[in-house]
Amino acid sequence: DFIVYDRSHIDILIGDVMGHGIQSALVGAGIKSLFLKVLAEQQS
């Protein structure tokens, strides 16, 4: 995932959930979503 704040500042998130299948895909999607929520909360 990429979180672009402006043309000079960007956060990059790259991860790998253990295992294969639907559970791994669901956990990966949930973690991505959780990062975005935390970022939205913590921006001053």
All heavy atoms as atom14 arrays in JSON, in Angstrom:
{
  "sequence": "DFIVYDRSHIDILIGDVMGHGIQSALVGAGIKSLFLKVLAEQQS",
  "atom14_mask": [
    [1, 1, 1, 1, 1, 1, 1, 1, 0, 0, 0, 0, 0, 0],
    [1, 1, 1, 1, 1, 1, 1, 1, 1, 1, 1, 0, 0, 0],
    [1, 1, 1, 1, 1, 1, 1, 1, 0, 0, 0, 0, 0, 0],
    [1, 1, 1, 1, 1, 1, 1, 0, 0, 0, 0, 0, 0, 0],
    [1, 1, 1, 1, 1, 1, 1, 1, 1, 1, 1, 1, 0, 0],
    [1, 1, 1, 1, 1, 1, 1, 1, 0, 0, 0, 0, 0, 0],
    [1, 1, 1, 1, 1, 1, 1, 1, 1, 1, 1, 0, 0, 0],
    [1, 1, 1, 1, 1, 1, 0, 0, 0, 0, 0, 0, 0, 0],
    [1, 1, 1, 1, 1, 1, 1, 1, 1, 1, 0, 0, 0, 0],
    [1, 1, 1, 1, 1, 1, 1, 1, 0, 0, 0, 0, 0, 0],
    [1, 1, 1, 1, 1, 1, 1, 1, 0, 0, 0, 0, 0, 0],
    [1, 1, 1, 1, 1, 1, 1, 1, 0, 0, 0, 0, 0, 0],
    [1, 1, 1, 1, 1, 1, 1, 1, 0, 0, 0, 0, 0, 0],
    [1, 1, 1, 1, 1, 1, 1, 1, 0, 0, 0, 0, 0, 0],
    [1, 1, 1, 1, 0, 0, 0, 0, 0, 0, 0, 0, 0, 0],
    [1, 1, 1, 1, 1, 1, 1, 1, 0, 0, 0, 0, 0, 0],
    [1, 1, 1, 1, 1, 1, 1, 0, 0, 0, 0, 0, 0, 0],
    [1, 1, 1, 1, 1, 1, 1, 1, 0, 0, 0, 0, 0, 0],
    [1, 1, 1, 1, 0, 0, 0, 0, 0, 0, 0, 0, 0, 0],
    [1, 1, 1, 1, 1, 1, 1, 1, 1, 1, 0, 0, 0, 0],
    [1, 1, 1, 1, 0, 0, 0, 0, 0, 0, 0, 0, 0, 0],
    [1, 1, 1, 1, 1, 1, 1, 1, 0, 0, 0, 0, 0, 0],
    [1, 1, 1, 1, 1, 1, 1, 1, 1, 0, 0, 0, 0, 0],
    [1, 1, 1, 1, 1, 1, 0, 0, 0, 0, 0, 0, 0, 0],
    [1, 1, 1, 1, 1, 0, 0, 0, 0, 0, 0, 0, 0, 0],
    [1, 1, 1, 1, 1, 1, 1, 1, 0, 0, 0, 0, 0, 0],
    [1, 1, 1, 1, 1, 1, 1, 0, 0, 0, 0, 0, 0, 0],
    [1, 1, 1, 1, 0, 0, 0, 0, 0, 0, 0, 0, 0, 0],
    [1, 1, 1, 1, 1, 0, 0, 0, 0, 0, 0, 0, 0, 0],
    [1, 1, 1, 1, 0, 0, 0, 0, 0, 0, 0, 0, 0, 0],
    [1, 1, 1, 1, 1, 1, 1, 1, 0, 0, 0, 0, 0, 0],
    [1, 1, 1, 1, 1, 1, 1, 1, 1, 0, 0, 0, 0, 0],
    [1, 1, 1, 1, 1, 1, 0, 0, 0, 0, 0, 0, 0, 0],
    [1, 1, 1, 1, 1, 1, 1, 1, 0, 0, 0, 0, 0, 0],
    [1, 1, 1, 1, 1, 1, 1, 1, 1, 1, 1, 0, 0, 0],
    [1, 1, 1, 1, 1, 1, 1, 1, 0, 0, 0, 0, 0, 0],
    [1, 1, 1, 1, 1, 1, 1, 1, 1, 0, 0, 0, 0, 0],
    [1, 1, 1, 1, 1, 1, 1, 0, 0, 0, 0, 0, 0, 0],
    [1, 1, 1, 1, 1, 1, 1, 1, 0, 0, 0, 0, 0, 0],
    [1, 1, 1, 1, 1, 0, 0, 0, 0, 0, 0, 0, 0, 0],
    [1, 1, 1, 1, 1, 1, 1, 1, 1, 0, 0, 0, 0, 0],
    [1, 1, 1, 1, 1, 1, 1, 1, 1, 0, 0, 0, 0, 0],
    [1, 1, 1, 1, 1, 1, 1, 1, 1, 0, 0, 0, 0, 0],
    [1, 1, 1, 1, 1, 1, 0, 0, 0, 0, 0, 0, 0, 0]
  ],
  "atom14_positions": [
    [[0.85, -1.19, 0.0], [0.0, 0.0, 0.0], [0.88, 1.24, 0.0], [2.04, 1.21, 0.47], [-0.93, 0.01, 1.22], [-2.21, 0.79, 0.95], [-2.31, 1.41, -0.12], [-3.11, 0.79, 1.8], [0.0, 0.0, 0.0], [0.0, 0.0, 0.0], [0.0, 0.0, 0.0], [0.0, 0.0, 0.0], [0.0, 0.0, 0.0], [0.0, 0.0, 0.0]],
    [[0.33, 2.34, -0.54], [1.05, 3.6, -0.63], [0.16, 4.7, -0.04], [-1.0, 4.82, -0.41], [1.38, 3.95, -2.08], [2.17, 2.88, -2.79], [1.52, 1.88, -3.48], [3.55, 2.88, -2.77], [2.22, 0.9, -4.15], [4.27, 1.9, -3.43], [3.61, 0.9, -4.11], [0.0, 0.0, 0.0], [0.0, 0.0, 0.0], [0.0, 0.0, 0.0]],
    [[0.71, 5.48, 0.9], [-0.02, 6.61, 1.48], [0.74, 7.87, 1.08], [1.82, 8.16, 1.6], [-0.14, 6.51, 3.01], [-0.83, 5.21, 3.41], [-0.9, 7.7, 3.55], [0.11, 4.1, 3.82], [0.0, 0.0, 0.0], [0.0, 0.0, 0.0], [0.0, 0.0, 0.0], [0.0, 0.0, 0.0], [0.0, 0.0, 0.0], [0.0, 0.0, 0.0]],
    [[0.2, 8.62, 0.1], [0.86, 9.81, -0.43], [0.3, 11.03, 0.29], [-0.89, 11.32, 0.2], [0.64, 9.92, -1.95], [1.33, 11.16, -2.48], [1.18, 8.68, -2.65], [0.0, 0.0, 0.0], [0.0, 0.0, 0.0], [0.0, 0.0, 0.0], [0.0, 0.0, 0.0], [0.0, 0.0, 0.0], [0.0, 0.0, 0.0], [0.0, 0.0, 0.0]],
    [[1.19, 11.74, 1.01], [0.76, 12.95, 1.71], [0.87, 14.18, 0.8], [0.0, 15.04, 0.78], [1.61, 13.16, 2.95], [1.54, 12.0, 3.92], [2.56, 11.05, 3.99], [0.45, 11.83, 4.75], [2.51, 9.98, 4.86], [0.37, 10.76, 5.63], [1.4, 9.85, 5.69], [1.33, 8.79, 6.55], [0.0, 0.0, 0.0], [0.0, 0.0, 0.0]],
    [[1.95, 14.28, 0.08], [2.14, 15.29, -0.95], [3.19, 14.75, -1.92], [3.58, 13.58, -1.83], [2.54, 16.65, -0.36], [3.77, 16.54, 0.55], [4.74, 15.82, 0.17], [3.77, 17.13, 1.64], [0.0, 0.0, 0.0], [0.0, 0.0, 0.0], [0.0, 0.0, 0.0], [0.0, 0.0, 0.0], [0.0, 0.0, 0.0], [0.0, 0.0, 0.0]],
    [[3.67, 15.55, -2.84], [4.59, 15.06, -3.87], [5.97, 14.73, -3.33], [6.79, 14.14, -4.04], [4.7, 16.1, -4.98], [3.41, 16.34, -5.75], [3.63, 17.26, -6.92], [4.51, 16.64, -7.9], [5.03, 17.27, -8.95], [4.74, 18.56, -9.13], [5.81, 16.65, -9.79], [0.0, 0.0, 0.0], [0.0, 0.0, 0.0], [0.0, 0.0, 0.0]],
    [[6.23, 15.08, -2.07], [7.55, 14.83, -1.49], [7.52, 13.85, -0.32], [8.58, 13.45, 0.17], [8.19, 16.14, -1.02], [8.37, 17.03, -2.1], [0.0, 0.0, 0.0], [0.0, 0.0, 0.0], [0.0, 0.0, 0.0], [0.0, 0.0, 0.0], [0.0, 0.0, 0.0], [0.0, 0.0, 0.0], [0.0, 0.0, 0.0], [0.0, 0.0, 0.0]],
    [[6.34, 13.5, 0.16], [6.25, 12.64, 1.35], [5.29, 11.49, 1.07], [4.15, 11.7, 0.66], [5.75, 13.44, 2.56], [6.67, 14.56, 2.96], [6.62, 15.8, 2.35], [7.68, 14.61, 3.88], [7.54, 16.58, 2.9], [8.2, 15.89, 3.82], [0.0, 0.0, 0.0], [0.0, 0.0, 0.0], [0.0, 0.0, 0.0], [0.0, 0.0, 0.0]],
    [[5.78, 10.29, 1.3], [4.98, 9.09, 1.05], [5.36, 8.0, 2.03], [6.54, 7.84, 2.37], [5.17, 8.59, -0.41], [4.35, 7.32, -0.66], [6.63, 8.35, -0.72], [4.41, 6.83, -2.08], [0.0, 0.0, 0.0], [0.0, 0.0, 0.0], [0.0, 0.0, 0.0], [0.0, 0.0, 0.0], [0.0, 0.0, 0.0], [0.0, 0.0, 0.0]],
    [[4.35, 7.27, 2.53], [4.57, 6.07, 3.34], [4.32, 4.84, 2.46], [3.37, 4.82, 1.68], [3.63, 6.03, 4.56], [4.07, 6.99, 5.64], [5.15, 7.61, 5.51], [3.33, 7.13, 6.63], [0.0, 0.0, 0.0], [0.0, 0.0, 0.0], [0.0, 0.0, 0.0], [0.0, 0.0, 0.0], [0.0, 0.0, 0.0], [0.0, 0.0, 0.0]],
    [[5.17, 3.84, 2.6], [5.05, 2.6, 1.83], [4.95, 1.44, 2.8], [5.77, 1.3, 3.71], [6.25, 2.4, 0.89], [6.38, 3.6, -0.06], [6.11, 1.11, 0.1], [7.64, 3.59, -0.89], [0.0, 0.0, 0.0], [0.0, 0.0, 0.0], [0.0, 0.0, 0.0], [0.0, 0.0, 0.0], [0.0, 0.0, 0.0], [0.0, 0.0, 0.0]],
    [[3.95, 0.61, 2.58], [3.7, -0.55, 3.45], [3.76, -1.79, 2.58], [3.03, -1.92, 1.61], [2.31, -0.41, 4.09], [1.85, -1.5, 5.05], [2.67, -1.45, 6.32], [0.38, -1.33, 5.37], [0.0, 0.0, 0.0], [0.0, 0.0, 0.0], [0.0, 0.0, 0.0], [0.0, 0.0, 0.0], [0.0, 0.0, 0.0], [0.0, 0.0, 0.0]],
    [[4.67, -2.72, 2.93], [4.77, -3.98, 2.2], [4.82, -5.1, 3.22], [5.56, -5.02, 4.21], [6.01, -4.01, 1.27], [6.1, -5.35, 0.55], [7.29, -3.7, 2.01], [7.15, -5.37, -0.56], [0.0, 0.0, 0.0], [0.0, 0.0, 0.0], [0.0, 0.0, 0.0], [0.0, 0.0, 0.0], [0.0, 0.0, 0.0], [0.0, 0.0, 0.0]],
    [[3.97, -6.11, 3.04], [3.87, -7.18, 4.04], [3.55, -8.52, 3.42], [3.2, -8.63, 2.24], [0.0, 0.0, 0.0], [0.0, 0.0, 0.0], [0.0, 0.0, 0.0], [0.0, 0.0, 0.0], [0.0, 0.0, 0.0], [0.0, 0.0, 0.0], [0.0, 0.0, 0.0], [0.0, 0.0, 0.0], [0.0, 0.0, 0.0], [0.0, 0.0, 0.0]],
    [[3.67, -9.55, 4.24], [3.4, -10.93, 3.8], [2.79, -11.68, 4.97], [3.44, -11.88, 6.0], [4.72, -11.59, 3.35], [4.49, -12.97, 2.76], [3.32, -13.39, 2.61], [5.47, -13.65, 2.46], [0.0, 0.0, 0.0], [0.0, 0.0, 0.0], [0.0, 0.0, 0.0], [0.0, 0.0, 0.0], [0.0, 0.0, 0.0], [0.0, 0.0, 0.0]],
    [[1.52, -12.07, 4.84], [0.84, -12.82, 5.88], [1.21, -14.3, 5.75], [1.29, -14.84, 4.66], [-0.7, -12.66, 5.77], [-1.4, -13.44, 6.88], [-1.07, -11.19, 5.84], [0.0, 0.0, 0.0], [0.0, 0.0, 0.0], [0.0, 0.0, 0.0], [0.0, 0.0, 0.0], [0.0, 0.0, 0.0], [0.0, 0.0, 0.0], [0.0, 0.0, 0.0]],
    [[1.45, -14.94, 6.89], [1.81, -16.35, 6.88], [0.73, -17.19, 6.22], [-0.45, -17.0, 6.48], [2.02, -16.83, 8.32], [2.37, -18.31, 8.44], [2.29, -18.92, 10.14], [0.53, -18.91, 10.42], [0.0, 0.0, 0.0], [0.0, 0.0, 0.0], [0.0, 0.0, 0.0], [0.0, 0.0, 0.0], [0.0, 0.0, 0.0], [0.0, 0.0, 0.0]],
    [[1.15, -18.15, 5.38], [0.23, -19.11, 4.81], [-0.4, -18.62, 3.5], [-0.03, -17.6, 2.93], [0.0, 0.0, 0.0], [0.0, 0.0, 0.0], [0.0, 0.0, 0.0], [0.0, 0.0, 0.0], [0.0, 0.0, 0.0], [0.0, 0.0, 0.0], [0.0, 0.0, 0.0], [0.0, 0.0, 0.0], [0.0, 0.0, 0.0], [0.0, 0.0, 0.0]],
    [[-1.36, -19.4, 3.03], [-2.06, -19.12, 1.78], [-3.57, -19.2, 2.02], [-4.01, -19.65, 3.07], [-1.67, -20.13, 0.7], [-0.19, -20.25, 0.47], [0.57, -19.27, -0.11], [0.67, -21.26, 0.77], [1.82, -19.66, -0.18], [1.91, -20.87, 0.36], [0.0, 0.0, 0.0], [0.0, 0.0, 0.0], [0.0, 0.0, 0.0], [0.0, 0.0, 0.0]],
    [[-4.32, -18.75, 1.03], [-5.76, -18.93, 1.08], [-6.51, -17.7, 1.51], [-5.96, -16.61, 1.68], [0.0, 0.0, 0.0], [0.0, 0.0, 0.0], [0.0, 0.0, 0.0], [0.0, 0.0, 0.0], [0.0, 0.0, 0.0], [0.0, 0.0, 0.0], [0.0, 0.0, 0.0], [0.0, 0.0, 0.0], [0.0, 0.0, 0.0], [0.0, 0.0, 0.0]],
    [[-7.82, -17.91, 1.72], [-8.71, -16.79, 2.01], [-8.36, -16.1, 3.32], [-8.39, -14.88, 3.42], [-10.17, -17.3, 2.03], [-10.61, -17.66, 0.61], [-11.11, -16.26, 2.62], [-12.01, -18.2, 0.52], [0.0, 0.0, 0.0], [0.0, 0.0, 0.0], [0.0, 0.0, 0.0], [0.0, 0.0, 0.0], [0.0, 0.0, 0.0], [0.0, 0.0, 0.0]],
    [[-8.0, -16.88, 4.36], [-7.69, -16.26, 5.65], [-6.51, -15.31, 5.52], [-6.54, -14.19, 6.05], [-7.38, -17.33, 6.7], [-6.95, -16.71, 8.04], [-6.76, -17.73, 9.14], [-7.72, -18.34, 9.58], [-5.53, -17.94, 9.56], [0.0, 0.0, 0.0], [0.0, 0.0, 0.0], [0.0, 0.0, 0.0], [0.0, 0.0, 0.0], [0.0, 0.0, 0.0]],
    [[-5.44, -15.73, 4.81], [-4.27, -14.87, 4.65], [-4.65, -13.59, 3.9], [-4.22, -12.49, 4.28], [-3.17, -15.62, 3.91], [-2.72, -16.72, 4.65], [0.0, 0.0, 0.0], [0.0, 0.0, 0.0], [0.0, 0.0, 0.0], [0.0, 0.0, 0.0], [0.0, 0.0, 0.0], [0.0, 0.0, 0.0], [0.0, 0.0, 0.0], [0.0, 0.0, 0.0]],
    [[-5.44, -13.72, 2.84], [-5.86, -12.54, 2.08], [-6.71, -11.61, 2.94], [-6.55, -10.39, 2.9], [-6.64, -12.97, 0.84], [0.0, 0.0, 0.0], [0.0, 0.0, 0.0], [0.0, 0.0, 0.0], [0.0, 0.0, 0.0], [0.0, 0.0, 0.0], [0.0, 0.0, 0.0], [0.0, 0.0, 0.0], [0.0, 0.0, 0.0], [0.0, 0.0, 0.0]],
    [[-7.59, -12.18, 3.74], [-8.47, -11.37, 4.59], [-7.67, -10.65, 5.67], [-7.91, -9.47, 5.96], [-9.53, -12.27, 5.23], [-10.64, -11.57, 6.03], [-11.4, -10.6, 5.15], [-11.59, -12.58, 6.64], [0.0, 0.0, 0.0], [0.0, 0.0, 0.0], [0.0, 0.0, 0.0], [0.0, 0.0, 0.0], [0.0, 0.0, 0.0], [0.0, 0.0, 0.0]],
    [[-6.71, -11.34, 6.28], [-5.87, -10.7, 7.3], [-5.06, -9.57, 6.68], [-4.94, -8.47, 7.24], [-4.94, -11.75, 7.96], [-3.9, -11.05, 8.84], [-5.74, -12.71, 8.81], [0.0, 0.0, 0.0], [0.0, 0.0, 0.0], [0.0, 0.0, 0.0], [0.0, 0.0, 0.0], [0.0, 0.0, 0.0], [0.0, 0.0, 0.0], [0.0, 0.0, 0.0]],
    [[-4.48, -9.81, 5.48], [-3.72, -8.75, 4.81], [-4.58, -7.54, 4.52], [-4.15, -6.39, 4.74], [0.0, 0.0, 0.0], [0.0, 0.0, 0.0], [0.0, 0.0, 0.0], [0.0, 0.0, 0.0], [0.0, 0.0, 0.0], [0.0, 0.0, 0.0], [0.0, 0.0, 0.0], [0.0, 0.0, 0.0], [0.0, 0.0, 0.0], [0.0, 0.0, 0.0]],
    [[-5.79, -7.75, 4.02], [-6.69, -6.62, 3.74], [-7.07, -5.9, 5.02], [-7.16, -4.66, 5.05], [-7.95, -7.13, 3.03], [0.0, 0.0, 0.0], [0.0, 0.0, 0.0], [0.0, 0.0, 0.0], [0.0, 0.0, 0.0], [0.0, 0.0, 0.0], [0.0, 0.0, 0.0], [0.0, 0.0, 0.0], [0.0, 0.0, 0.0], [0.0, 0.0, 0.0]],
    [[-7.29, -6.65, 6.11], [-7.64, -6.02, 7.39], [-6.51, -5.16, 7.94], [-6.74, -4.06, 8.46], [0.0, 0.0, 0.0], [0.0, 0.0, 0.0], [0.0, 0.0, 0.0], [0.0, 0.0, 0.0], [0.0, 0.0, 0.0], [0.0, 0.0, 0.0], [0.0, 0.0, 0.0], [0.0, 0.0, 0.0], [0.0, 0.0, 0.0], [0.0, 0.0, 0.0]],
    [[-5.27, -5.64, 7.82], [-4.12, -4.87, 8.32], [-3.94, -3.59, 7.5], [-3.68, -2.51, 8.05], [-2.86, -5.74, 8.31], [-2.96, -6.81, 9.4], [-1.61, -4.89, 8.52], [-1.8, -7.76, 9.44], [0.0, 0.0, 0.0], [0.0, 0.0, 0.0], [0.0, 0.0, 0.0], [0.0, 0.0, 0.0], [0.0, 0.0, 0.0], [0.0, 0.0, 0.0]],
    [[-4.09, -3.69, 6.18], [-4.02, -2.49, 5.35], [-5.06, -1.47, 5.79], [-4.76, -0.28, 5.96], [-4.26, -2.85, 3.89], [-3.07, -3.42, 3.16], [-3.4, -3.67, 1.7], [-3.87, -2.45, 1.0], [-4.16, -2.67, -0.43], [0.0, 0.0, 0.0], [0.0, 0.0, 0.0], [0.0, 0.0, 0.0], [0.0, 0.0, 0.0], [0.0, 0.0, 0.0]],
    [[-6.28, -1.92, 6.0], [-7.36, -1.02, 6.41], [-7.08, -0.41, 7.78], [-7.33, 0.78, 8.0], [-8.68, -1.8, 6.44], [-9.73, -1.0, 6.91], [0.0, 0.0, 0.0], [0.0, 0.0, 0.0], [0.0, 0.0, 0.0], [0.0, 0.0, 0.0], [0.0, 0.0, 0.0], [0.0, 0.0, 0.0], [0.0, 0.0, 0.0], [0.0, 0.0, 0.0]],
    [[-6.51, -1.2, 8.68], [-6.22, -0.71, 10.02], [-5.16, 0.38, 9.99], [-5.23, 1.37, 10.73], [-5.77, -1.88, 10.9], [-5.74, -1.64, 12.41], [-7.08, -1.12, 12.91], [-5.39, -2.93, 13.14], [0.0, 0.0, 0.0], [0.0, 0.0, 0.0], [0.0, 0.0, 0.0], [0.0, 0.0, 0.0], [0.0, 0.0, 0.0], [0.0, 0.0, 0.0]],
    [[-4.14, 0.24, 9.13], [-3.12, 1.28, 9.0], [-3.74, 2.6, 8.57], [-3.41, 3.66, 9.1], [-2.06, 0.84, 7.99], [-0.85, 0.2, 8.6], [-0.81, -1.17, 8.81], [0.23, 0.95, 9.01], [0.28, -1.78, 9.37], [1.33, 0.36, 9.58], [1.38, -1.0, 9.77], [0.0, 0.0, 0.0], [0.0, 0.0, 0.0], [0.0, 0.0, 0.0]],
    [[-4.64, 2.54, 7.59], [-5.26, 3.77, 7.11], [-6.09, 4.43, 8.2], [-6.1, 5.66, 8.34], [-6.13, 3.46, 5.89], [-5.39, 2.96, 4.65], [-6.37, 2.61, 3.54], [-4.41, 4.0, 4.16], [0.0, 0.0, 0.0], [0.0, 0.0, 0.0], [0.0, 0.0, 0.0], [0.0, 0.0, 0.0], [0.0, 0.0, 0.0], [0.0, 0.0, 0.0]],
    [[-6.78, 3.65, 9.01], [-7.59, 4.2, 10.1], [-6.71, 4.86, 11.15], [-7.01, 5.96, 11.64], [-8.43, 3.1, 10.73], [-9.57, 2.61, 9.85], [-10.45, 1.61, 10.57], [-11.62, 1.18, 9.68], [-12.52, 0.24, 10.36], [0.0, 0.0, 0.0], [0.0, 0.0, 0.0], [0.0, 0.0, 0.0], [0.0, 0.0, 0.0], [0.0, 0.0, 0.0]],
    [[-5.63, 4.19, 11.51], [-4.73, 4.76, 12.51], [-4.11, 6.05, 12.0], [-4.0, 7.05, 12.73], [-3.65, 3.73, 12.89], [-2.56, 4.39, 13.73], [-4.26, 2.58, 13.66], [0.0, 0.0, 0.0], [0.0, 0.0, 0.0], [0.0, 0.0, 0.0], [0.0, 0.0, 0.0], [0.0, 0.0, 0.0], [0.0, 0.0, 0.0], [0.0, 0.0, 0.0]],
    [[-3.69, 6.07, 10.73], [-3.13, 7.29, 10.16], [-4.13, 8.44, 10.19], [-3.78, 9.57, 10.52], [-2.7, 7.02, 8.72], [-1.32, 6.39, 8.52], [-1.15, 5.93, 7.09], [-0.24, 7.38, 8.88], [0.0, 0.0, 0.0], [0.0, 0.0, 0.0], [0.0, 0.0, 0.0], [0.0, 0.0, 0.0], [0.0, 0.0, 0.0], [0.0, 0.0, 0.0]],
    [[-5.39, 8.14, 9.86], [-6.42, 9.18, 9.87], [-6.63, 9.73, 11.28], [-6.85, 10.93, 11.47], [-7.73, 8.62, 9.33], [0.0, 0.0, 0.0], [0.0, 0.0, 0.0], [0.0, 0.0, 0.0], [0.0, 0.0, 0.0], [0.0, 0.0, 0.0], [0.0, 0.0, 0.0], [0.0, 0.0, 0.0], [0.0, 0.0, 0.0], [0.0, 0.0, 0.0]],
    [[-6.54, 8.88, 12.29], [-6.73, 9.32, 13.67], [-5.56, 10.17, 14.17], [-5.76, 11.14, 14.89], [-6.88, 8.1, 14.58], [-8.16, 7.34, 14.41], [-8.21, 6.1, 15.29], [-7.25, 5.84, 16.03], [-9.22, 5.4, 15.21], [0.0, 0.0, 0.0], [0.0, 0.0, 0.0], [0.0, 0.0, 0.0], [0.0, 0.0, 0.0], [0.0, 0.0, 0.0]],
    [[-4.35, 9.77, 13.79], [-3.17, 10.38, 14.41], [-2.67, 11.62, 13.7], [-1.79, 12.31, 14.21], [-2.04, 9.34, 14.49], [-2.35, 8.19, 15.43], [-1.12, 7.38, 15.78], [-0.02, 7.67, 15.34], [-1.31, 6.36, 16.6], [0.0, 0.0, 0.0], [0.0, 0.0, 0.0], [0.0, 0.0, 0.0], [0.0, 0.0, 0.0], [0.0, 0.0, 0.0]],
    [[-3.19, 11.94, 12.51], [-2.73, 13.16, 11.85], [-3.23, 14.37, 12.62], [-4.4, 14.49, 12.95], [-3.25, 13.2, 10.42], [-2.5, 12.25, 9.49], [-2.73, 12.57, 8.03], [-2.49, 13.71, 7.61], [-3.19, 11.6, 7.27], [0.0, 0.0, 0.0], [0.0, 0.0, 0.0], [0.0, 0.0, 0.0], [0.0, 0.0, 0.0], [0.0, 0.0, 0.0]],
    [[-2.33, 15.27, 12.88], [-2.66, 16.46, 13.68], [-3.16, 17.58, 12.79], [-2.98, 17.57, 11.56], [-1.42, 16.93, 14.45], [-0.41, 17.35, 13.56], [0.0, 0.0, 0.0], [0.0, 0.0, 0.0], [0.0, 0.0, 0.0], [0.0, 0.0, 0.0], [0.0, 0.0, 0.0], [0.0, 0.0, 0.0], [0.0, 0.0, 0.0], [0.0, 0.0, 0.0]]
  ]
}
